[in-house]
C-alpha atoms as a PDB file:
ATOM      1  CA  MET A   1       0.000   0.000   0.000  1.00  0.00           C
ATOM      2  CA  VAL A   2       1.349   3.437  -0.949  1.00  0.00           C
ATOM      3  CA  SER A   3       1.346   6.037   1.837  1.00  0.00           C
ATOM      4  CA  ASN A   4      -0.436   9.326   1.193  1.00  0.00           C
ATOM      5  CA  ILE A   5       1.886  11.133   3.597  1.00  0.00           C
ATOM      6  CA  SER A   6       4.283  13.305   1.613  1.00  0.00           C
ATOM      7  CA  LYS A   7       7.884  13.729   2.683  1.00  0.00           C
ATOM      8  CA  PRO A   8       8.814  17.179   4.021  1.00  0.00           C
ATOM      9  CA  ALA A   9      10.545  19.590   1.683  1.00  0.00           C
ATOM     10  CA  ILE A  10      14.173  19.806   2.772  1.00  0.00           C
ATOM     11  CA  PRO A  11      15.400  23.408   3.043  1.00  0.00           C
ATOM     12  CA  GLY A  12      18.655  24.435   1.445  1.00  0.00           C
ATOM     13  CA  LEU A  13      21.374  26.418   3.196  1.00  0.00           C
ATOM     14  CA  THR A  14      19.834  29.762   2.257  1.00  0.00           C
ATOM     15  CA  GLU A  15      16.489  28.737   3.778  1.00  0.00           C
ATOM     16  CA  ILE A  16      18.175  27.292   6.856  1.00  0.00           C
ATOM     17  CA  ARG A  17      20.017  30.552   7.406  1.00  0.00           C
ATOM     18  CA  GLN A  18      16.762  32.505   7.071  1.00  0.00           C
ATOM     19  CA  ARG A  19      14.850  30.255   9.457  1.00  0.00           C
ATOM     20  CA  LEU A  20      17.518  30.543  12.135  1.00  0.00           C
ATOM     21  CA  ALA A  21      18.175  34.273  11.615  1.00  0.00           C
ATOM     22  CA  SER A  22      15.933  35.327  14.497  1.00  0.00           C
ATOM     23  CA  THR A  23      17.627  33.047  17.041  1.00  0.00           C
ATOM     24  CA  ARG A  24      20.071  34.529  19.526  1.00  0.00           C
ATOM     25  CA  LEU A  25      22.898  33.287  21.715  1.00  0.00           C
ATOM     26  CA  PRO A  26      21.607  33.215  25.315  1.00  0.00           C
ATOM     27  CA  ASP A  27      23.009  35.867  27.642  1.00  0.00           C
ATOM     28  CA  ASP A  28      22.879  33.323  30.472  1.00  0.00           C
ATOM     29  CA  PRO A  29      24.161  29.877  29.398  1.00  0.00           C
ATOM     30  CA  VAL A  30      22.257  28.129  32.202  1.00  0.00           C
ATOM     31  CA  ASN A  31      18.886  29.725  31.406  1.00  0.00           C
ATOM     32  CA  ILE A  32      17.268  26.497  30.228  1.00  0.00           C
ATOM     33  CA  VAL A  33      14.114  25.959  28.189  1.00  0.00           C
ATOM     34  CA  LEU A  34      12.038  23.092  29.583  1.00  0.00           C
ATOM     35  CA  PRO A  35      10.734  20.519  27.073  1.00  0.00           C
ATOM     36  CA  ASP A  36       7.026  20.528  26.244  1.00  0.00           C
ATOM     37  CA  ASP A  37       6.467  17.308  28.200  1.00  0.00           C
ATOM     38  CA  SER A  38       8.199  18.525  31.382  1.00  0.00           C
ATOM     39  CA  SER A  39       4.860  18.727  33.220  1.00  0.00           C
ATOM     40  CA  ARG A  40       4.974  14.931  33.434  1.00  0.00           C
ATOM     41  CA  TRP A  41       8.418  14.808  35.001  1.00  0.00           C
ATOM     42  CA  SER A  42       8.907  13.209  38.391  1.00  0.00           C
ATOM     43  CA  ALA A  43       9.890  15.237  41.455  1.00  0.00           C
ATOM     44  CA  ILE A  44      13.418  13.836  41.211  1.00  0.00           C
ATOM     45  CA  MET A  45      13.787  15.023  37.629  1.00  0.00           C
ATOM     46  CA  ARG A  46      12.457  18.463  38.548  1.00  0.00           C
ATOM     47  CA  GLN A  47      14.922  18.670  41.436  1.00  0.00           C
ATOM     48  CA  THR A  48      17.794  17.865  39.069  1.00  0.00           C
ATOM     49  CA  VAL A  49      16.794  20.822  36.906  1.00  0.00           C
ATOM     50  CA  ALA A  50      16.281  23.070  39.928  1.00  0.00           C
ATOM     51  CA  ASP A  51      19.801  22.369  41.183  1.00  0.00           C
ATOM     52  CA  THR A  52      22.756  24.337  39.868  1.00  0.00           C
ATOM     53  CA  MET A  53      23.284  23.492  36.218  1.00  0.00           C
ATOM     54  CA  LYS A  54      26.691  23.431  34.556  1.00  0.00           C
ATOM     55  CA  PRO A  55      26.860  25.306  31.210  1.00  0.00           C
ATOM     56  CA  ALA A  56      27.824  23.349  28.109  1.00  0.00           C
ATOM     57  CA  GLY A  57      27.773  23.967  24.373  1.00  0.00           C
ATOM     58  CA  VAL A  58      27.615  21.681  21.351  1.00  0.00           C
ATOM     59  CA  LEU A  59      27.953  22.308  17.646  1.00  0.00           C
ATOM     60  CA  VAL A  60      25.306  20.961  15.266  1.00  0.00           C
ATOM     61  CA  PRO A  61      27.621  20.715  12.221  1.00  0.00           C
ATOM     62  CA  ILE A  62      25.950  20.878   8.809  1.00  0.00           C
ATOM     63  CA  MET A  63      28.153  19.388   6.099  1.00  0.00           C
ATOM     64  CA  GLU A  64      27.617  20.167   2.409  1.00  0.00           C
ATOM     65  CA  HIS A  65      28.168  17.518  -0.252  1.00  0.00           C
ATOM     66  CA  GLY A  66      26.981  19.069  -3.476  1.00  0.00           C
ATOM     67  CA  ALA A  67      23.202  19.304  -3.237  1.00  0.00           C
ATOM     68  CA  GLU A  68      23.067  17.018  -0.187  1.00  0.00           C
ATOM     69  CA  LEU A  69      23.329  18.287   3.377  1.00  0.00           C
ATOM     70  CA  THR A  70      24.343  16.022   6.241  1.00  0.00           C
ATOM     71  CA  ILE A  71      24.731  16.353  10.010  1.00  0.00           C
ATOM     72  CA  LEU A  72      28.000  15.318  11.644  1.00  0.00           C
ATOM     73  CA  LEU A  73      27.707  13.241  14.833  1.00  0.00           C
ATOM     74  CA  THR A  74      30.200  11.462  17.062  1.00  0.00           C
ATOM     75  CA  GLN A  75      30.272   8.159  18.889  1.00  0.00           C
ATOM     76  CA  ARG A  76      31.721   8.986  22.290  1.00  0.00           C
ATOM     77  CA  SER A  77      34.569   6.963  23.754  1.00  0.00           C
ATOM     78  CA  ALA A  78      33.640   4.037  25.995  1.00  0.00           C
ATOM     79  CA  ALA A  79      36.300   5.233  28.457  1.00  0.00           C
ATOM     80  CA  LEU A  80      34.532   8.498  29.328  1.00  0.00           C
ATOM     81  CA  SER A  81      33.031   8.890  32.792  1.00  0.00           C
ATOM     82  CA  MET A  82      29.763  10.399  31.503  1.00  0.00           C
ATOM     83  CA  HIS A  83      27.649   9.514  28.455  1.00  0.00           C
ATOM     84  CA  ALA A  84      30.188   6.868  27.428  1.00  0.00           C
ATOM     85  CA  SER A  85      29.558   5.142  24.066  1.00  0.00           C
ATOM     86  CA  GLN A  86      26.615   7.432  23.278  1.00  0.00           C
ATOM     87  CA  VAL A  87      26.050   9.345  20.074  1.00  0.00           C
ATOM     88  CA  SER A  88      26.381  13.092  20.502  1.00  0.00           C
ATOM     89  CA  PHE A  89      27.232  16.334  18.779  1.00  0.00           C
ATOM     90  CA  PRO A  90      30.798  17.556  19.348  1.00  0.00           C
ATOM     91  CA  GLY A  91      30.880  19.767  22.428  1.00  0.00           C
ATOM     92  CA  GLY A  92      31.343  19.879  26.159  1.00  0.00           C
ATOM     93  CA  ARG A  93      31.474  21.874  29.362  1.00  0.00           C
ATOM     94  CA  MET A  94      32.196  25.596  29.411  1.00  0.00           C
ATOM     95  CA  GLU A  95      35.609  26.645  30.715  1.00  0.00           C
ATOM     96  CA  GLU A  96      36.607  29.943  32.328  1.00  0.00           C
ATOM     97  CA  SER A  97      38.686  30.865  29.281  1.00  0.00           C
ATOM     98  CA  ASP A  98      35.648  30.670  26.965  1.00  0.00           C
ATOM     99  CA  THR A  99      34.197  34.080  26.126  1.00  0.00           C
ATOM    100  CA  ASP A 100      30.685  32.642  25.708  1.00  0.00           C
ATOM    101  CA  ILE A 101      28.904  29.339  25.118  1.00  0.00           C
ATOM    102  CA  GLU A 102      29.446  29.603  21.353  1.00  0.00           C
ATOM    103  CA  ALA A 103      33.184  29.713  21.977  1.00  0.00           C
ATOM    104  CA  THR A 104      32.761  26.610  24.139  1.00  0.00           C
ATOM    105  CA  ALA A 105      31.057  24.661  21.354  1.00  0.00           C
ATOM    106  CA  LEU A 106      33.649  25.672  18.758  1.00  0.00           C
ATOM    107  CA  ARG A 107      36.611  24.943  21.036  1.00  0.00           C
ATOM    108  CA  GLU A 108      35.262  21.537  21.996  1.00  0.00           C
ATOM    109  CA  THR A 109      34.595  20.723  18.338  1.00  0.00           C
ATOM    110  CA  ARG A 110      38.212  21.531  17.485  1.00  0.00           C
ATOM    111  CA  GLU A 111      39.470  19.425  20.388  1.00  0.00           C
ATOM    112  CA  GLU A 112      37.223  16.426  19.691  1.00  0.00           C
ATOM    113  CA  VAL A 113      37.129  16.171  15.894  1.00  0.00           C
ATOM    114  CA  GLY A 114      39.757  18.655  14.682  1.00  0.00           C
ATOM    115  CA  ILE A 115      37.458  21.166  12.951  1.00  0.00           C
ATOM    116  CA  GLU A 116      39.057  24.555  13.573  1.00  0.00           C
ATOM    117  CA  GLU A 117      36.914  27.534  14.499  1.00  0.00           C
ATOM    118  CA  HIS A 118      37.516  29.476  11.268  1.00  0.00           C
ATOM    119  CA  TYR A 119      36.013  26.625   9.245  1.00  0.00           C
ATOM    120  CA  VAL A 120      32.622  27.012  10.964  1.00  0.00           C
ATOM    121  CA  SER A 121      30.001  29.548   9.884  1.00  0.00           C
ATOM    122  CA  VAL A 122      27.415  29.915  12.649  1.00  0.00           C
ATOM    123  CA  LEU A 123      23.832  30.056  11.349  1.00  0.00           C
ATOM    124  CA  GLY A 124      21.892  30.240  14.610  1.00  0.00           C
ATOM    125  CA  TYR A 125      21.045  28.687  17.946  1.00  0.00           C
ATOM    126  CA  LEU A 126      18.614  26.209  19.485  1.00  0.00           C
ATOM    127  CA  PRO A 127      17.072  26.554  22.965  1.00  0.00           C
ATOM    128  CA  THR A 128      19.257  25.650  25.931  1.00  0.00           C
ATOM    129  CA  LEU A 129      18.033  22.382  27.396  1.00  0.00           C
ATOM    130  CA  PRO A 130      18.738  20.475  30.608  1.00  0.00           C
ATOM    131  CA  THR A 131      20.235  16.994  30.761  1.00  0.00           C
ATOM    132  CA  ILE A 132      19.658  14.483  33.544  1.00  0.00           C
ATOM    133  CA  THR A 133      23.371  14.709  34.350  1.00  0.00           C
ATOM    134  CA  GLY A 134      23.042  18.360  35.370  1.00  0.00           C
ATOM    135  CA  TYR A 135      24.195  20.225  32.269  1.00  0.00           C
ATOM    136  CA  ALA A 136      22.501  23.148  30.536  1.00  0.00           C
ATOM    137  CA  VAL A 137      23.379  22.514  26.885  1.00  0.00           C
ATOM    138  CA  THR A 138      23.137  25.177  24.184  1.00  0.00           C
ATOM    139  CA  PRO A 139      23.262  23.840  20.591  1.00  0.00           C
ATOM    140  CA  ILE A 140      25.044  26.072  18.063  1.00  0.00           C
ATOM    141  CA  VAL A 141      24.048  25.374  14.446  1.00  0.00           C
ATOM    142  CA  GLY A 142      26.708  26.000  11.814  1.00  0.00           C
ATOM    143  CA  THR A 143      27.990  24.940   8.438  1.00  0.00           C
ATOM    144  CA  VAL A 144      31.446  23.435   8.105  1.00  0.00           C
ATOM    145  CA  SER A 145      33.736  24.383   5.224  1.00  0.00           C
ATOM    146  CA  THR A 146      34.569  21.629   2.758  1.00  0.00           C
ATOM    147  CA  ARG A 147      38.221  22.502   3.403  1.00  0.00           C
ATOM    148  CA  ALA A 148      37.995  21.250   6.984  1.00  0.00           C
ATOM    149  CA  GLU A 149      39.565  17.884   7.742  1.00  0.00           C
ATOM    150  CA  LEU A 150      38.612  15.683  10.675  1.00  0.00           C
ATOM    151  CA  ALA A 151      41.216  14.744  13.270  1.00  0.00           C
ATOM    152  CA  ILE A 152      39.523  12.558  15.897  1.00  0.00           C
ATOM    153  CA  ASP A 153      40.731  12.638  19.507  1.00  0.00           C
ATOM    154  CA  PRO A 154      40.454   8.948  20.527  1.00  0.00           C
ATOM    155  CA  ALA A 155      40.374   9.857  24.207  1.00  0.00           C
ATOM    156  CA  GLU A 156      36.934  11.417  23.679  1.00  0.00           C
ATOM    157  CA  VAL A 157      35.563  10.109  20.385  1.00  0.00           C
ATOM    158  CA  GLU A 158      35.586   6.616  18.872  1.00  0.00           C
ATOM    159  CA  TYR A 159      34.532   7.831  15.442  1.00  0.00           C
ATOM    160  CA  ALA A 160      32.507  10.478  13.631  1.00  0.00           C
ATOM    161  CA  PHE A 161      29.803   9.844  11.050  1.00  0.00           C
ATOM    162  CA  GLU A 162      27.289  11.763   8.968  1.00  0.00           C
ATOM    163  CA  VAL A 163      23.520  11.375   8.650  1.00  0.00           C
ATOM    164  CA  PRO A 164      21.572  12.962   5.773  1.00  0.00           C
ATOM    165  CA  LEU A 165      19.585  15.976   6.936  1.00  0.00           C
ATOM    166  CA  SER A 166      16.669  14.659   4.861  1.00  0.00           C
ATOM    167  CA  PHE A 167      16.579  11.505   7.007  1.00  0.00           C
ATOM    168  CA  LEU A 168      16.508  13.405  10.304  1.00  0.00           C
ATOM    169  CA  LEU A 169      13.836  15.864   9.138  1.00  0.00           C
ATOM    170  CA  ASP A 170      11.452  13.109   8.020  1.00  0.00           C
ATOM    171  CA  PRO A 171       9.022  12.094  10.823  1.00  0.00           C
ATOM    172  CA  ALA A 172       8.651   8.706   9.124  1.00  0.00           C
ATOM    173  CA  ASN A 173      12.079   7.860  10.571  1.00  0.00           C
ATOM    174  CA  ASP A 174      11.092   8.629  14.183  1.00  0.00           C
ATOM    175  CA  ILE A 175      11.195   5.676  16.567  1.00  0.00           C
ATOM    176  CA  VAL A 176       9.166   6.172  19.756  1.00  0.00           C
ATOM    177  CA  ARG A 177      10.394   4.181  22.743  1.00  0.00           C
ATOM    178  CA  GLU A 178       9.604   4.289  26.433  1.00  0.00           C
ATOM    179  CA  ARG A 179      12.586   5.094  28.603  1.00  0.00           C
ATOM    180  CA  GLU A 180      12.918   5.125  32.375  1.00  0.00           C
ATOM    181  CA  VAL A 181      14.485   8.334  33.663  1.00  0.00           C
ATOM    182  CA  LYS A 182      15.036   8.715  37.411  1.00  0.00           C
ATOM    183  CA  GLY A 183      12.119   6.421  38.206  1.00  0.00           C
ATOM    184  CA  GLN A 184       9.734   7.803  35.573  1.00  0.00           C
ATOM    185  CA  THR A 185       8.801   6.103  32.304  1.00  0.00           C
ATOM    186  CA  LEU A 186       8.521   8.566  29.410  1.00  0.00           C
ATOM    187  CA  PRO A 187       8.009   8.150  25.650  1.00  0.00           C
ATOM    188  CA  MET A 188      10.973   9.524  23.703  1.00  0.00           C
ATOM    189  CA  VAL A 189      11.840   9.791  20.029  1.00  0.00           C
ATOM    190  CA  GLU A 190      15.064   8.317  18.744  1.00  0.00           C
ATOM    191  CA  PHE A 191      16.604   7.527  15.368  1.00  0.00           C
ATOM    192  CA  CYS A 192      18.492   4.585  13.942  1.00  0.00           C
ATOM    193  CA  TRP A 193      20.957   5.230  11.138  1.00  0.00           C
ATOM    194  CA  ASP A 194      23.158   2.460   9.781  1.00  0.00           C
ATOM    195  CA  GLU A 195      22.456   0.462  12.976  1.00  0.00           C
ATOM    196  CA  VAL A 196      23.612   3.364  15.170  1.00  0.00           C
ATOM    197  CA  ARG A 197      21.151   4.527  17.825  1.00  0.00           C
ATOM    198  CA  ILE A 198      20.679   8.303  18.179  1.00  0.00           C
ATOM    199  CA  TRP A 199      18.704   9.051  21.322  1.00  0.00           C
ATOM    200  CA  GLY A 200      18.441  11.158  24.481  1.00  0.00           C
ATOM    201  CA  ALA A 201      19.435  14.821  24.424  1.00  0.00           C
ATOM    202  CA  THR A 202      20.955  14.502  20.950  1.00  0.00           C
ATOM    203  CA  ALA A 203      17.678  13.247  19.467  1.00  0.00           C
ATOM    204  CA  TYR A 204      15.805  16.026  21.264  1.00  0.00           C
ATOM    205  CA  MET A 205      18.109  18.652  19.721  1.00  0.00           C
ATOM    206  CA  ILE A 206      17.476  17.164  16.285  1.00  0.00           C
ATOM    207  CA  LEU A 207      13.722  17.457  16.868  1.00  0.00           C
ATOM    208  CA  GLU A 208      14.169  21.105  17.919  1.00  0.00           C
ATOM    209  CA  LEU A 209      16.158  21.744  14.741  1.00  0.00           C
ATOM    210  CA  ARG A 210      13.405  20.079  12.717  1.00  0.00           C
ATOM    211  CA  LYS A 211      10.715  22.315  14.253  1.00  0.00           C
ATOM    212  CA  ARG A 212      12.581  25.429  13.212  1.00  0.00           C
ATOM    213  CA  LEU A 213      13.625  24.313   9.757  1.00  0.00           C
ATOM    214  CA  LEU A 214      10.188  22.959   8.837  1.00  0.00           C
ATOM    215  CA  LYS A 215       8.364  25.761  10.670  1.00  0.00           C
ATOM    216  CA  GLN A 216       6.396  23.314  12.815  1.00  0.00           C
END
């Protein structure tokens, strides 16, 4: 049977830039935006958010391959103390030397996958969101020059890979699973690309990007 549901039109770089033009870097990197389903959170989850959050920034790297756009992701090292072996965007915790959370995301990207700051053109920002590990994460969306070459730091990243933007923007590829978080079972969307599971905060950021690019 042929589905009557049409696939979403995938915006090009010019449209992406326009749809993110009104976004702004937060003045306070720990001023989080609660997810729409936060009213269902348990008291423990709410307490985690109420406690002091640590600022962090990630880059959502858009790679251009002719007419195709992809998103660069990393598989984190199994040796890390937090979020080991999970898929994530390059990024990490803010340091005192960082001028703002954008600088954090760009520095961490250089350290983790070797993309230097001058190869990134920032297009806009997604809302700062909390993680269950106590971080307030601000996603920075940017394109990466084709001249940039990856240099993976094995202490933090096992490998990097790319997923077509068209795949991530298509709701037909959403996988809804129930996940237990601090004693509460919640439905969450995740993705599976080439047998790699993309879930948690990373999947949520992708959904936020989708809302803005498809004007949902």
